[in-house]
Amino acid sequence: MAKLQAEQTEKDARLAAKDAELARTIEEIAALKAKIQEYKERNSQTPDDHDYSEAETRDYLIDLLLKESGWDLKPRMCWSKGGQWEIVAGRVGCTTPA
């Protein structure tokens, strides 16, 4: 019985440590979200009066947003070789002409 109580006490201590770590992570995420929102608000106040070409739009805006969202930008390499990206059975792959 004492062994079970000791094991339970140890588990409770580990759980409390994990809960504290989770709380710190949640606080860090909230602070980062607030910082991102602040940057977005500041950036929205600065008008973008550039006349981008299609390639510049891709480089300066689209690729940047995709990268920030966690997308892999390897498709550009595929397209530059004349290939296409396909989704088959939940997997993404590049097919290039023979």
N, C-alpha and C. Protein backbone atom coordinates (compact mmCIF):
# COMPACT_ATOMS: atom_id res chain seq x y z
N MET A 1 0.82 -1.19 0.00
CA MET A 1 0.00 0.00 0.00
C MET A 1 0.86 1.26 0.00
N ALA A 2 1.92 1.25 0.78
CA ALA A 2 2.82 2.40 0.85
C ALA A 2 3.50 2.62 -0.50
N LYS A 3 3.80 1.52 -1.19
CA LYS A 3 4.44 1.61 -2.50
C LYS A 3 3.48 2.29 -3.49
N LEU A 4 2.21 1.92 -3.46
CA LEU A 4 1.21 2.53 -4.35
C LEU A 4 1.06 4.01 -4.06
N GLN A 5 1.06 4.36 -2.78
CA GLN A 5 0.95 5.77 -2.41
C GLN A 5 2.17 6.56 -2.89
N ALA A 6 3.34 5.95 -2.78
CA ALA A 6 4.57 6.61 -3.24
C ALA A 6 4.53 6.80 -4.76
N GLU A 7 4.06 5.77 -5.48
CA GLU A 7 3.94 5.87 -6.94
C GLU A 7 2.94 6.96 -7.32
N GLN A 8 1.82 7.00 -6.60
CA GLN A 8 0.80 8.01 -6.89
C GLN A 8 1.32 9.42 -6.60
N THR A 9 2.07 9.56 -5.53
CA THR A 9 2.66 10.86 -5.19
C THR A 9 3.64 11.30 -6.28
N GLU A 10 4.43 10.34 -6.78
CA GLU A 10 5.38 10.64 -7.85
C GLU A 10 4.65 11.04 -9.13
N LYS A 11 3.58 10.31 -9.45
CA LYS A 11 2.79 10.65 -10.64
C LYS A 11 2.15 12.03 -10.50
N ASP A 12 1.65 12.32 -9.30
CA ASP A 12 1.04 13.64 -9.06
C ASP A 12 2.08 14.76 -9.23
N ALA A 13 3.29 14.52 -8.77
CA ALA A 13 4.35 15.52 -8.89
C ALA A 13 4.71 15.74 -10.37
N ARG A 14 4.80 14.64 -11.13
CA ARG A 14 5.10 14.77 -12.57
C ARG A 14 3.96 15.49 -13.29
N LEU A 15 2.74 15.18 -12.92
CA LEU A 15 1.58 15.83 -13.53
C LEU A 15 1.57 17.33 -13.21
N ALA A 16 1.88 17.67 -11.98
CA ALA A 16 1.93 19.08 -11.60
C ALA A 16 3.02 19.82 -12.38
N ALA A 17 4.16 19.16 -12.59
CA ALA A 17 5.24 19.78 -13.37
C ALA A 17 4.80 19.98 -14.81
N LYS A 18 4.12 18.99 -15.37
CA LYS A 18 3.62 19.11 -16.75
C LYS A 18 2.56 20.22 -16.84
N ASP A 19 1.69 20.30 -15.85
CA ASP A 19 0.68 21.36 -15.83
C ASP A 19 1.33 22.74 -15.79
N ALA A 20 2.38 22.88 -14.99
CA ALA A 20 3.09 24.15 -14.90
C ALA A 20 3.76 24.49 -16.23
N GLU A 21 4.35 23.48 -16.86
CA GLU A 21 4.99 23.69 -18.17
C GLU A 21 3.95 24.09 -19.21
N LEU A 22 2.79 23.44 -19.19
CA LEU A 22 1.71 23.78 -20.11
C LEU A 22 1.23 25.21 -19.89
N ALA A 23 1.09 25.61 -18.64
CA ALA A 23 0.65 26.96 -18.33
C ALA A 23 1.65 27.99 -18.86
N ARG A 24 2.96 27.70 -18.70
CA ARG A 24 3.99 28.61 -19.22
C ARG A 24 3.92 28.69 -20.75
N THR A 25 3.70 27.55 -21.38
CA THR A 25 3.60 27.51 -22.84
C THR A 25 2.38 28.29 -23.32
N ILE A 26 1.26 28.14 -22.64
CA ILE A 26 0.05 28.87 -23.00
C ILE A 26 0.27 30.37 -22.86
N GLU A 27 0.93 30.78 -21.78
CA GLU A 27 1.24 32.20 -21.58
C GLU A 27 2.17 32.72 -22.68
N GLU A 28 3.16 31.92 -23.06
CA GLU A 28 4.10 32.32 -24.11
C GLU A 28 3.37 32.47 -25.45
N ILE A 29 2.48 31.53 -25.75
CA ILE A 29 1.71 31.60 -26.99
C ILE A 29 0.83 32.84 -27.00
N ALA A 30 0.18 33.13 -25.89
CA ALA A 30 -0.68 34.32 -25.80
C ALA A 30 0.14 35.59 -26.01
N ALA A 31 1.33 35.65 -25.43
CA ALA A 31 2.19 36.82 -25.60
C ALA A 31 2.63 36.96 -27.06
N LEU A 32 2.98 35.85 -27.69
CA LEU A 32 3.39 35.90 -29.09
C LEU A 32 2.23 36.29 -30.00
N LYS A 33 1.03 35.78 -29.71
CA LYS A 33 -0.14 36.18 -30.50
C LYS A 33 -0.41 37.67 -30.36
N ALA A 34 -0.25 38.20 -29.16
CA ALA A 34 -0.46 39.63 -28.94
C ALA A 34 0.58 40.44 -29.72
N LYS A 35 1.81 39.96 -29.73
CA LYS A 35 2.87 40.65 -30.47
C LYS A 35 2.59 40.61 -31.97
N ILE A 36 2.14 39.47 -32.47
CA ILE A 36 1.80 39.34 -33.88
C ILE A 36 0.66 40.30 -34.24
N GLN A 37 -0.35 40.36 -33.38
CA GLN A 37 -1.47 41.26 -33.63
C GLN A 37 -1.00 42.71 -33.66
N GLU A 38 -0.11 43.05 -32.75
CA GLU A 38 0.45 44.41 -32.72
C GLU A 38 1.17 44.72 -34.03
N TYR A 39 1.99 43.77 -34.52
CA TYR A 39 2.70 43.98 -35.78
C TYR A 39 1.73 44.10 -36.94
N LYS A 40 0.69 43.27 -36.94
CA LYS A 40 -0.30 43.35 -38.02
C LYS A 40 -0.99 44.70 -38.03
N GLU A 41 -1.35 45.18 -36.86
CA GLU A 41 -2.01 46.49 -36.78
C GLU A 41 -1.07 47.60 -37.24
N ARG A 42 0.18 47.51 -36.83
CA ARG A 42 1.15 48.52 -37.24
C ARG A 42 1.38 48.47 -38.75
N ASN A 43 1.46 47.26 -39.30
CA ASN A 43 1.68 47.12 -40.74
C ASN A 43 0.47 47.56 -41.56
N SER A 44 -0.72 47.38 -41.02
CA SER A 44 -1.91 47.77 -41.76
C SER A 44 -2.03 49.30 -41.86
N GLN A 45 -1.33 50.00 -41.01
CA GLN A 45 -1.36 51.46 -41.05
C GLN A 45 -0.43 52.03 -42.11
N THR A 46 0.46 51.19 -42.63
CA THR A 46 1.40 51.63 -43.65
C THR A 46 0.89 51.13 -45.00
N PRO A 47 0.42 52.05 -45.85
CA PRO A 47 -0.12 51.60 -47.14
C PRO A 47 0.97 51.04 -48.04
N ASP A 48 0.62 50.05 -48.82
CA ASP A 48 1.54 49.45 -49.78
C ASP A 48 1.19 50.00 -51.15
N ASP A 49 1.98 50.95 -51.61
CA ASP A 49 1.70 51.59 -52.89
C ASP A 49 2.63 51.11 -54.00
N HIS A 50 3.21 49.93 -53.80
CA HIS A 50 4.09 49.37 -54.82
C HIS A 50 3.26 48.81 -55.97
N ASP A 51 3.82 48.85 -57.14
CA ASP A 51 3.20 48.26 -58.31
C ASP A 51 4.02 47.01 -58.65
N TYR A 52 3.70 45.91 -57.97
CA TYR A 52 4.47 44.69 -58.12
C TYR A 52 4.17 43.98 -59.44
N SER A 53 5.20 43.39 -60.03
CA SER A 53 4.98 42.49 -61.15
C SER A 53 4.48 41.16 -60.58
N GLU A 54 4.08 40.26 -61.44
CA GLU A 54 3.59 38.97 -60.96
C GLU A 54 4.68 38.22 -60.19
N ALA A 55 5.90 38.24 -60.72
CA ALA A 55 7.01 37.55 -60.05
C ALA A 55 7.32 38.18 -58.70
N GLU A 56 7.30 39.52 -58.64
CA GLU A 56 7.56 40.21 -57.37
C GLU A 56 6.46 39.92 -56.36
N THR A 57 5.22 39.88 -56.83
CA THR A 57 4.11 39.55 -55.93
C THR A 57 4.34 38.18 -55.33
N ARG A 58 4.75 37.25 -56.15
CA ARG A 58 5.02 35.89 -55.67
C ARG A 58 6.15 35.91 -54.65
N ASP A 59 7.25 36.59 -54.99
CA ASP A 59 8.42 36.60 -54.11
C ASP A 59 8.17 37.34 -52.80
N TYR A 60 7.58 38.54 -52.89
CA TYR A 60 7.47 39.41 -51.71
C TYR A 60 6.24 39.14 -50.85
N LEU A 61 5.18 38.64 -51.45
CA LEU A 61 3.95 38.47 -50.69
C LEU A 61 3.53 37.01 -50.53
N ILE A 62 3.31 36.34 -51.64
CA ILE A 62 2.73 34.99 -51.58
C ILE A 62 3.69 34.00 -50.91
N ASP A 63 4.92 33.94 -51.40
CA ASP A 63 5.88 32.99 -50.82
C ASP A 63 6.11 33.26 -49.34
N LEU A 64 6.20 34.52 -48.98
CA LEU A 64 6.41 34.89 -47.58
C LEU A 64 5.25 34.40 -46.71
N LEU A 65 4.03 34.64 -47.15
CA LEU A 65 2.86 34.21 -46.38
C LEU A 65 2.78 32.69 -46.31
N LEU A 66 3.09 32.01 -47.41
CA LEU A 66 3.09 30.54 -47.39
C LEU A 66 4.13 30.00 -46.43
N LYS A 67 5.32 30.59 -46.46
CA LYS A 67 6.40 30.14 -45.57
C LYS A 67 6.02 30.37 -44.11
N GLU A 68 5.43 31.55 -43.82
CA GLU A 68 5.00 31.84 -42.45
C GLU A 68 3.92 30.88 -41.98
N SER A 69 3.13 30.36 -42.93
CA SER A 69 2.06 29.42 -42.59
C SER A 69 2.57 27.99 -42.50
N GLY A 70 3.87 27.79 -42.76
CA GLY A 70 4.44 26.46 -42.62
C GLY A 70 4.47 25.65 -43.90
N TRP A 71 4.16 26.26 -45.03
CA TRP A 71 4.17 25.53 -46.30
C TRP A 71 5.61 25.34 -46.78
N ASP A 72 5.83 24.21 -47.41
CA ASP A 72 7.11 23.92 -48.03
C ASP A 72 7.10 24.54 -49.41
N LEU A 73 8.09 25.34 -49.73
CA LEU A 73 8.11 26.05 -51.01
C LEU A 73 8.82 25.29 -52.11
N LYS A 74 9.03 24.00 -51.95
CA LYS A 74 9.66 23.20 -52.99
C LYS A 74 8.84 23.13 -54.27
N PRO A 75 7.52 23.35 -54.22
CA PRO A 75 6.77 23.32 -55.48
C PRO A 75 7.32 24.29 -56.52
N ARG A 76 7.89 25.40 -56.11
CA ARG A 76 8.45 26.35 -57.09
C ARG A 76 9.56 25.67 -57.88
N MET A 77 10.33 24.83 -57.22
CA MET A 77 11.39 24.12 -57.92
C MET A 77 10.78 23.13 -58.90
N CYS A 78 9.69 22.50 -58.49
CA CYS A 78 9.00 21.55 -59.37
C CYS A 78 8.47 22.28 -60.60
N TRP A 79 7.80 23.42 -60.37
CA TRP A 79 7.22 24.17 -61.48
C TRP A 79 8.30 24.69 -62.42
N SER A 80 9.44 25.09 -61.85
CA SER A 80 10.50 25.63 -62.70
C SER A 80 11.05 24.56 -63.64
N LYS A 81 10.83 23.29 -63.31
CA LYS A 81 11.26 22.19 -64.18
C LYS A 81 10.12 21.73 -65.09
N GLY A 82 9.01 22.47 -65.07
CA GLY A 82 7.89 22.13 -65.93
C GLY A 82 6.98 21.07 -65.34
N GLY A 83 7.14 20.80 -64.07
CA GLY A 83 6.33 19.76 -63.43
C GLY A 83 5.06 20.30 -62.81
N GLN A 84 4.30 19.39 -62.26
CA GLN A 84 3.07 19.74 -61.57
C GLN A 84 3.04 19.00 -60.25
N TRP A 85 2.36 19.61 -59.28
CA TRP A 85 2.20 18.96 -57.98
C TRP A 85 0.86 18.26 -57.97
N GLU A 86 0.87 17.03 -57.50
CA GLU A 86 -0.35 16.24 -57.43
C GLU A 86 -0.54 15.74 -56.00
N ILE A 87 -1.80 15.58 -55.63
CA ILE A 87 -2.12 14.98 -54.34
C ILE A 87 -2.77 13.64 -54.64
N VAL A 88 -2.12 12.58 -54.22
CA VAL A 88 -2.61 11.22 -54.43
C VAL A 88 -2.60 10.51 -53.10
N ALA A 89 -3.74 10.01 -52.70
CA ALA A 89 -3.88 9.27 -51.43
C ALA A 89 -3.33 10.08 -50.26
N GLY A 90 -3.60 11.37 -50.25
CA GLY A 90 -3.19 12.22 -49.14
C GLY A 90 -1.72 12.61 -49.16
N ARG A 91 -1.00 12.23 -50.20
CA ARG A 91 0.42 12.58 -50.31
C ARG A 91 0.61 13.53 -51.48
N VAL A 92 1.56 14.44 -51.32
CA VAL A 92 1.85 15.43 -52.34
C VAL A 92 3.15 15.01 -53.04
N GLY A 93 3.12 15.07 -54.37
CA GLY A 93 4.32 14.70 -55.11
C GLY A 93 4.44 15.49 -56.38
N CYS A 94 5.67 15.62 -56.86
CA CYS A 94 5.96 16.37 -58.07
C CYS A 94 6.08 15.40 -59.24
N THR A 95 5.38 15.70 -60.32
CA THR A 95 5.51 14.92 -61.54
C THR A 95 6.09 15.84 -62.59
N THR A 96 7.18 15.42 -63.21
CA THR A 96 7.80 16.23 -64.25
C THR A 96 7.68 15.51 -65.58
N PRO A 97 7.57 16.28 -66.66
CA PRO A 97 7.45 15.65 -67.97
C PRO A 97 8.71 14.85 -68.31
N ALA A 98 8.52 13.77 -69.02
CA ALA A 98 9.66 12.92 -69.39
C ALA A 98 10.45 13.50 -70.53
